[in-house]
PDB file of N, CA and C in Angstrom:
ATOM      1  N   UNK A   1       0.855  -1.177   0.000  1.00  0.00           N
ATOM      2  CA  UNK A   1       0.000   0.000   0.000  1.00  0.00           C
ATOM      3  C   UNK A   1       0.899   1.237   0.000  1.00  0.00           C
ATOM      4  N   UNK A   2       0.628   2.137  -0.894  1.00  0.00           N
ATOM      5  CA  UNK A   2       1.449   3.348  -0.990  1.00  0.00           C
ATOM      6  C   UNK A   2       1.109   4.308   0.153  1.00  0.00           C
ATOM      7  N   UNK A   3       2.044   5.182   0.502  1.00  0.00           N
ATOM      8  CA  UNK A   3       1.782   6.139   1.588  1.00  0.00           C
ATOM      9  C   UNK A   3       0.586   7.051   1.310  1.00  0.00           C
ATOM     10  N   UNK A   4       0.392   7.415   0.041  1.00  0.00           N
ATOM     11  CA  UNK A   4      -0.728   8.297  -0.299  1.00  0.00           C
ATOM     12  C   UNK A   4      -2.065   7.598  -0.048  1.00  0.00           C
ATOM     13  N   UNK A   5      -2.152   6.318  -0.418  1.00  0.00           N
ATOM     14  CA  UNK A   5      -3.372   5.542  -0.183  1.00  0.00           C
ATOM     15  C   UNK A   5      -3.622   5.390   1.311  1.00  0.00           C
ATOM     16  N   UNK A   6      -2.561   5.140   2.066  1.00  0.00           N
ATOM     17  CA  UNK A   6      -2.684   4.983   3.512  1.00  0.00           C
ATOM     18  C   UNK A   6      -3.208   6.262   4.159  1.00  0.00           C
ATOM     19  N   UNK A   7      -2.676   7.402   3.746  1.00  0.00           N
ATOM     20  CA  UNK A   7      -3.123   8.684   4.302  1.00  0.00           C
ATOM     21  C   UNK A   7      -4.584   8.935   3.947  1.00  0.00           C
ATOM     22  N   UNK A   8      -4.968   8.607   2.716  1.00  0.00           N
ATOM     23  CA  UNK A   8      -6.357   8.792   2.295  1.00  0.00           C
ATOM     24  C   UNK A   8      -7.294   7.934   3.133  1.00  0.00           C
ATOM     25  N   UNK A   9      -6.925   6.679   3.372  1.00  0.00           N
ATOM     26  CA  UNK A   9      -7.757   5.795   4.190  1.00  0.00           C
ATOM     27  C   UNK A   9      -7.846   6.297   5.621  1.00  0.00           C
ATOM     28  N   UNK A  10      -6.736   6.805   6.142  1.00  0.00           N
ATOM     29  CA  UNK A  10      -6.720   7.303   7.509  1.00  0.00           C
ATOM     30  C   UNK A  10      -7.624   8.533   7.656  1.00  0.00           C
ATOM     31  N   UNK A  11      -7.553   9.452   6.699  1.00  0.00           N
ATOM     32  CA  UNK A  11      -8.391  10.654   6.736  1.00  0.00           C
ATOM     33  C   UNK A  11      -9.859  10.280   6.590  1.00  0.00           C
ATOM     34  N   UNK A  12     -10.159   9.344   5.678  1.00  0.00           N
ATOM     35  CA  UNK A  12     -11.544   8.914   5.474  1.00  0.00           C
ATOM     36  C   UNK A  12     -12.115   8.290   6.738  1.00  0.00           C
ATOM     37  N   UNK A  13     -11.347   7.433   7.404  1.00  0.00           N
ATOM     38  CA  UNK A  13     -11.853   6.812   8.627  1.00  0.00           C
ATOM     39  C   UNK A  13     -12.031   7.850   9.731  1.00  0.00           C
ATOM     40  N   UNK A  14     -11.152   8.857   9.775  1.00  0.00           N
ATOM     41  CA  UNK A  14     -11.286   9.915  10.776  1.00  0.00           C
ATOM     42  C   UNK A  14     -12.565  10.720  10.552  1.00  0.00           C
ATOM     43  N   UNK A  15     -12.848  11.039   9.291  1.00  0.00           N
ATOM     44  CA  UNK A  15     -14.055  11.810   8.973  1.00  0.00           C
ATOM     45  C   UNK A  15     -15.300  11.023   9.354  1.00  0.00           C
ATOM     46  N   UNK A  16     -15.304   9.722   9.079  1.00  0.00           N
ATOM     47  CA  UNK A  16     -16.484   8.918   9.378  1.00  0.00           C
ATOM     48  C   UNK A  16     -16.703   8.753  10.874  1.00  0.00           C
ATOM     49  N   UNK A  17     -15.634   8.779  11.678  1.00  0.00           N
ATOM     50  CA  UNK A  17     -15.776   8.578  13.116  1.00  0.00           C
ATOM     51  C   UNK A  17     -16.004   9.878  13.877  1.00  0.00           C
ATOM     52  N   UNK A  18     -15.658  11.003  13.293  1.00  0.00           N
ATOM     53  CA  UNK A  18     -15.746  12.272  13.995  1.00  0.00           C
ATOM     54  C   UNK A  18     -17.001  13.037  13.574  1.00  0.00           C
ATOM     55  N   UNK A  19     -17.941  13.161  14.498  1.00  0.00           N
ATOM     56  CA  UNK A  19     -19.208  13.835  14.200  1.00  0.00           C
ATOM     57  C   UNK A  19     -19.018  15.333  13.987  1.00  0.00           C
ATOM     58  N   UNK A  20     -18.075  15.921  14.692  1.00  0.00           N
ATOM     59  CA  UNK A  20     -17.855  17.358  14.588  1.00  0.00           C
ATOM     60  C   UNK A  20     -17.473  17.757  13.171  1.00  0.00           C
ATOM     61  N   UNK A  21     -16.623  16.968  12.545  1.00  0.00           N
ATOM     62  CA  UNK A  21     -16.192  17.280  11.188  1.00  0.00           C
ATOM     63  C   UNK A  21     -17.344  17.159  10.195  1.00  0.00           C
ATOM     64  N   UNK A  22     -18.209  16.165  10.383  1.00  0.00           N
ATOM     65  CA  UNK A  22     -19.372  16.008   9.504  1.00  0.00           C
ATOM     66  C   UNK A  22     -20.309  17.206   9.658  1.00  0.00           C
ATOM     67  N   UNK A  23     -20.535  17.630  10.888  1.00  0.00           N
ATOM     68  CA  UNK A  23     -21.392  18.790  11.137  1.00  0.00           C
ATOM     69  C   UNK A  23     -20.778  20.045  10.529  1.00  0.00           C
ATOM     70  N   UNK A  24     -19.465  20.191  10.652  1.00  0.00           N
ATOM     71  CA  UNK A  24     -18.779  21.346  10.082  1.00  0.00           C
ATOM     72  C   UNK A  24     -18.903  21.372   8.563  1.00  0.00           C
ATOM     73  N   UNK A  25     -18.770  20.216   7.921  1.00  0.00           N
ATOM     74  CA  UNK A  25     -18.936  20.128   6.463  1.00  0.00           C
ATOM     75  C   UNK A  25     -20.344  20.574   6.073  1.00  0.00           C
ATOM     76  N   UNK A  26     -21.341  20.111   6.813  1.00  0.00           N
ATOM     77  CA  UNK A  26     -22.730  20.485   6.505  1.00  0.00           C
ATOM     78  C   UNK A  26     -22.978  21.977   6.713  1.00  0.00           C
ATOM     79  N   UNK A  27     -22.456  22.537   7.793  1.00  0.00           N
ATOM     80  CA  UNK A  27     -22.665  23.962   8.069  1.00  0.00           C
ATOM     81  C   UNK A  27     -21.990  24.824   7.007  1.00  0.00           C
ATOM     82  N   UNK A  28     -20.764  24.472   6.639  1.00  0.00           N
ATOM     83  CA  UNK A  28     -20.071  25.224   5.584  1.00  0.00           C
ATOM     84  C   UNK A  28     -20.830  25.096   4.270  1.00  0.00           C
ATOM     85  N   UNK A  29     -21.335  23.895   3.990  1.00  0.00           N
ATOM     86  CA  UNK A  29     -22.094  23.677   2.762  1.00  0.00           C
ATOM     87  C   UNK A  29     -23.364  24.506   2.705  1.00  0.00           C
ATOM     88  N   UNK A  30     -24.106  24.532   3.796  1.00  0.00           N
ATOM     89  CA  UNK A  30     -25.350  25.314   3.835  1.00  0.00           C
ATOM     90  C   UNK A  30     -25.042  26.806   3.726  1.00  0.00           C
ATOM     91  N   UNK A  31     -23.980  27.245   4.392  1.00  0.00           N
ATOM     92  CA  UNK A  31     -23.599  28.660   4.303  1.00  0.00           C
ATOM     93  C   UNK A  31     -23.201  29.043   2.880  1.00  0.00           C
ATOM     94  N   UNK A  32     -22.386  28.205   2.245  1.00  0.00           N
ATOM     95  CA  UNK A  32     -21.965  28.486   0.867  1.00  0.00           C
ATOM     96  C   UNK A  32     -23.154  28.441  -0.082  1.00  0.00           C
ATOM     97  N   UNK A  33     -24.033  27.484   0.135  1.00  0.00           N
ATOM     98  CA  UNK A  33     -25.241  27.355  -0.680  1.00  0.00           C
ATOM     99  C   UNK A  33     -26.082  28.627  -0.587  1.00  0.00           C
ATOM    100  N   UNK A  34     -26.312  29.088   0.640  1.00  0.00           N
ATOM    101  CA  UNK A  34     -27.121  30.295   0.855  1.00  0.00           C
ATOM    102  C   UNK A  34     -26.446  31.527   0.263  1.00  0.00           C
ATOM    103  N   UNK A  35     -25.147  31.652   0.483  1.00  0.00           N
ATOM    104  CA  UNK A  35     -24.410  32.795  -0.057  1.00  0.00           C
ATOM    105  C   UNK A  35     -24.469  32.797  -1.581  1.00  0.00           C
ATOM    106  N   UNK A  36     -24.324  31.629  -2.180  1.00  0.00           N
ATOM    107  CA  UNK A  36     -24.383  31.526  -3.635  1.00  0.00           C
ATOM    108  C   UNK A  36     -25.724  31.954  -4.195  1.00  0.00           C
ATOM    109  N   UNK A  37     -26.792  31.630  -3.479  1.00  0.00           N
ATOM    110  CA  UNK A  37     -28.130  32.041  -3.926  1.00  0.00           C
ATOM    111  C   UNK A  37     -28.314  33.551  -3.754  1.00  0.00           C
ATOM    112  N   UNK A  38     -27.943  34.067  -2.584  1.00  0.00           N
ATOM    113  CA  UNK A  38     -28.171  35.487  -2.294  1.00  0.00           C
ATOM    114  C   UNK A  38     -27.335  36.419  -3.167  1.00  0.00           C
ATOM    115  N   UNK A  39     -26.106  36.045  -3.453  1.00  0.00           N
ATOM    116  CA  UNK A  39     -25.205  36.922  -4.207  1.00  0.00           C
ATOM    117  C   UNK A  39     -25.112  36.554  -5.683  1.00  0.00           C
ATOM    118  N   UNK A  40     -25.922  35.636  -6.142  1.00  0.00           N
ATOM    119  CA  UNK A  40     -25.906  35.184  -7.540  1.00  0.00           C
ATOM    120  C   UNK A  40     -24.522  34.698  -7.974  1.00  0.00           C
ATOM    121  N   UNK A  41     -23.886  33.915  -7.119  1.00  0.00           N
ATOM    122  CA  UNK A  41     -22.562  33.375  -7.405  1.00  0.00           C
ATOM    123  C   UNK A  41     -22.714  31.874  -7.655  1.00  0.00           C
ATOM    124  N   UNK A  42     -22.693  31.481  -8.915  1.00  0.00           N
ATOM    125  CA  UNK A  42     -22.955  30.092  -9.276  1.00  0.00           C
ATOM    126  C   UNK A  42     -21.897  29.129  -8.751  1.00  0.00           C
ATOM    127  N   UNK A  43     -20.627  29.533  -8.772  1.00  0.00           N
ATOM    128  CA  UNK A  43     -19.556  28.645  -8.322  1.00  0.00           C
ATOM    129  C   UNK A  43     -19.705  28.313  -6.839  1.00  0.00           C
ATOM    130  N   UNK A  44     -19.927  29.321  -6.013  1.00  0.00           N
ATOM    131  CA  UNK A  44     -20.106  29.105  -4.573  1.00  0.00           C
ATOM    132  C   UNK A  44     -21.365  28.283  -4.317  1.00  0.00           C
ATOM    133  N   UNK A  45     -22.411  28.534  -5.065  1.00  0.00           N
ATOM    134  CA  UNK A  45     -23.652  27.771  -4.943  1.00  0.00           C
ATOM    135  C   UNK A  45     -23.401  26.285  -5.197  1.00  0.00           C
ATOM    136  N   UNK A  46     -22.673  25.966  -6.266  1.00  0.00           N
ATOM    137  CA  UNK A  46     -22.409  24.566  -6.612  1.00  0.00           C
ATOM    138  C   UNK A  46     -21.489  23.917  -5.585  1.00  0.00           C
ATOM    139  N   UNK A  47     -20.480  24.646  -5.115  1.00  0.00           N
ATOM    140  CA  UNK A  47     -19.596  24.106  -4.074  1.00  0.00           C
ATOM    141  C   UNK A  47     -20.398  23.817  -2.808  1.00  0.00           C
ATOM    142  N   UNK A  48     -21.273  24.727  -2.423  1.00  0.00           N
ATOM    143  CA  UNK A  48     -22.123  24.507  -1.252  1.00  0.00           C
ATOM    144  C   UNK A  48     -23.036  23.315  -1.432  1.00  0.00           C
ATOM    145  N   UNK A  49     -23.590  23.178  -2.619  1.00  0.00           N
ATOM    146  CA  UNK A  49     -24.458  22.039  -2.915  1.00  0.00           C
ATOM    147  C   UNK A  49     -23.689  20.726  -2.796  1.00  0.00           C
ATOM    148  N   UNK A  50     -22.466  20.702  -3.306  1.00  0.00           N
ATOM    149  CA  UNK A  50     -21.634  19.497  -3.208  1.00  0.00           C
ATOM    150  C   UNK A  50     -21.283  19.176  -1.758  1.00  0.00           C
ATOM    151  N   UNK A  51     -20.956  20.190  -0.971  1.00  0.00           N
ATOM    152  CA  UNK A  51     -20.625  19.950   0.433  1.00  0.00           C
ATOM    153  C   UNK A  51     -21.827  19.422   1.210  1.00  0.00           C
ATOM    154  N   UNK A  52     -22.996  19.962   0.948  1.00  0.00           N
ATOM    155  CA  UNK A  52     -24.207  19.464   1.612  1.00  0.00           C
ATOM    156  C   UNK A  52     -24.462  18.013   1.209  1.00  0.00           C
ATOM    157  N   UNK A  53     -24.278  17.701  -0.056  1.00  0.00           N
ATOM    158  CA  UNK A  53     -24.483  16.331  -0.532  1.00  0.00           C
ATOM    159  C   UNK A  53     -23.472  15.376   0.104  1.00  0.00           C
ATOM    160  N   UNK A  54     -22.215  15.791   0.201  1.00  0.00           N
ATOM    161  CA  UNK A  54     -21.195  14.955   0.843  1.00  0.00           C
ATOM    162  C   UNK A  54     -21.531  14.752   2.316  1.00  0.00           C
ATOM    163  N   UNK A  55     -21.956  15.812   2.998  1.00  0.00           N
ATOM    164  CA  UNK A  55     -22.360  15.688   4.396  1.00  0.00           C
ATOM    165  C   UNK A  55     -23.534  14.740   4.564  1.00  0.00           C
ATOM    166  N   UNK A  56     -24.493  14.825   3.652  1.00  0.00           N
ATOM    167  CA  UNK A  56     -25.643  13.919   3.677  1.00  0.00           C
ATOM    168  C   UNK A  56     -25.190  12.468   3.526  1.00  0.00           C
ATOM    169  N   UNK A  57     -24.288  12.212   2.585  1.00  0.00           N
ATOM    170  CA  UNK A  57     -23.811  10.843   2.376  1.00  0.00           C
ATOM    171  C   UNK A  57     -23.051  10.320   3.593  1.00  0.00           C
ATOM    172  N   UNK A  58     -22.262  11.176   4.234  1.00  0.00           N
ATOM    173  CA  UNK A  58     -21.533  10.757   5.431  1.00  0.00           C
ATOM    174  C   UNK A  58     -22.491  10.438   6.577  1.00  0.00           C
ATOM    175  N   UNK A  59     -23.503  11.274   6.764  1.00  0.00           N
ATOM    176  CA  UNK A  59     -24.492  11.020   7.816  1.00  0.00           C
ATOM    177  C   UNK A  59     -25.260   9.738   7.514  1.00  0.00           C
ATOM    178  N   UNK A  60     -25.625   9.551   6.266  1.00  0.00           N
ATOM    179  CA  UNK A  60     -26.366   8.349   5.860  1.00  0.00           C
ATOM    180  C   UNK A  60     -25.547   7.088   6.123  1.00  0.00           C
ATOM    181  N   UNK A  61     -24.254   7.135   5.790  1.00  0.00           N
ATOM    182  CA  UNK A  61     -23.382   5.981   6.028  1.00  0.00           C
ATOM    183  C   UNK A  61     -23.266   5.689   7.523  1.00  0.00           C
ATOM    184  N   UNK A  62     -23.155   6.744   8.322  1.00  0.00           N
ATOM    185  CA  UNK A  62     -23.040   6.570   9.768  1.00  0.00           C
ATOM    186  C   UNK A  62     -24.316   5.951  10.347  1.00  0.00           C
ATOM    187  N   UNK A  63     -25.479   6.375   9.863  1.00  0.00           N
ATOM    188  CA  UNK A  63     -26.746   5.815  10.336  1.00  0.00           C
ATOM    189  C   UNK A  63     -26.867   4.352   9.924  1.00  0.00           C
ATOM    190  N   UNK A  64     -26.474   4.025   8.692  1.00  0.00           N
ATOM    191  CA  UNK A  64     -26.532   2.630   8.236  1.00  0.00           C
ATOM    192  C   UNK A  64     -25.653   1.731   9.097  1.00  0.00           C
ATOM    193  N   UNK A  65     -24.424   2.194   9.399  1.00  0.00           N
ATOM    194  CA  UNK A  65     -23.528   1.413  10.249  1.00  0.00           C
ATOM    195  C   UNK A  65     -24.118   1.235  11.637  1.00  0.00           C
ATOM    196  N   UNK A  66     -24.742   2.268  12.156  1.00  0.00           N
ATOM    197  CA  UNK A  66     -25.340   2.200  13.482  1.00  0.00           C
ATOM    198  C   UNK A  66     -26.481   1.188  13.519  1.00  0.00           C
ATOM    199  N   UNK A  67     -27.292   1.169  12.473  1.00  0.00           N
ATOM    200  CA  UNK A  67     -28.415   0.230  12.412  1.00  0.00           C
ATOM    201  C   UNK A  67     -27.913  -1.206  12.286  1.00  0.00           C
ATOM    202  N   UNK A  68     -26.869  -1.418  11.491  1.00  0.00           N
ATOM    203  CA  UNK A  68     -26.338  -2.768  11.306  1.00  0.00           C
ATOM    204  C   UNK A  68     -25.677  -3.291  12.574  1.00  0.00           C
ATOM    205  N   UNK A  69     -25.043  -2.414  13.358  1.00  0.00           N
ATOM    206  CA  UNK A  69     -24.360  -2.843  14.574  1.00  0.00           C
ATOM    207  C   UNK A  69     -25.313  -3.041  15.746  1.00  0.00           C
ATOM    208  N   UNK A  70     -26.464  -2.406  15.723  1.00  0.00           N
ATOM    209  CA  UNK A  70     -27.434  -2.501  16.816  1.00  0.00           C
ATOM    210  C   UNK A  70     -28.791  -2.950  16.281  1.00  0.00           C
ATOM    211  N   UNK A  71     -28.945  -4.253  16.070  1.00  0.00           N
ATOM    212  CA  UNK A  71     -30.228  -4.721  15.499  1.00  0.00           C
ATOM    213  C   UNK A  71     -31.389  -4.594  16.462  1.00  0.00           C
TER     214      UNK A  71
END
């Protein structure tokens, strides 16, 4: 396993285990999304939309793992 792959796996596992980082991603995403709409900035709007979607996927994965571990 290359060092770059190892670092990527380590960061990914940290993000999935740390709720604060997931919440921060969602808050930044919602803020960017809102700013993009209010100021007519398409790039910021799309970045915010992507961050909200990534936050949603992380939360969804965490809920699925929780359900599978606690039947």
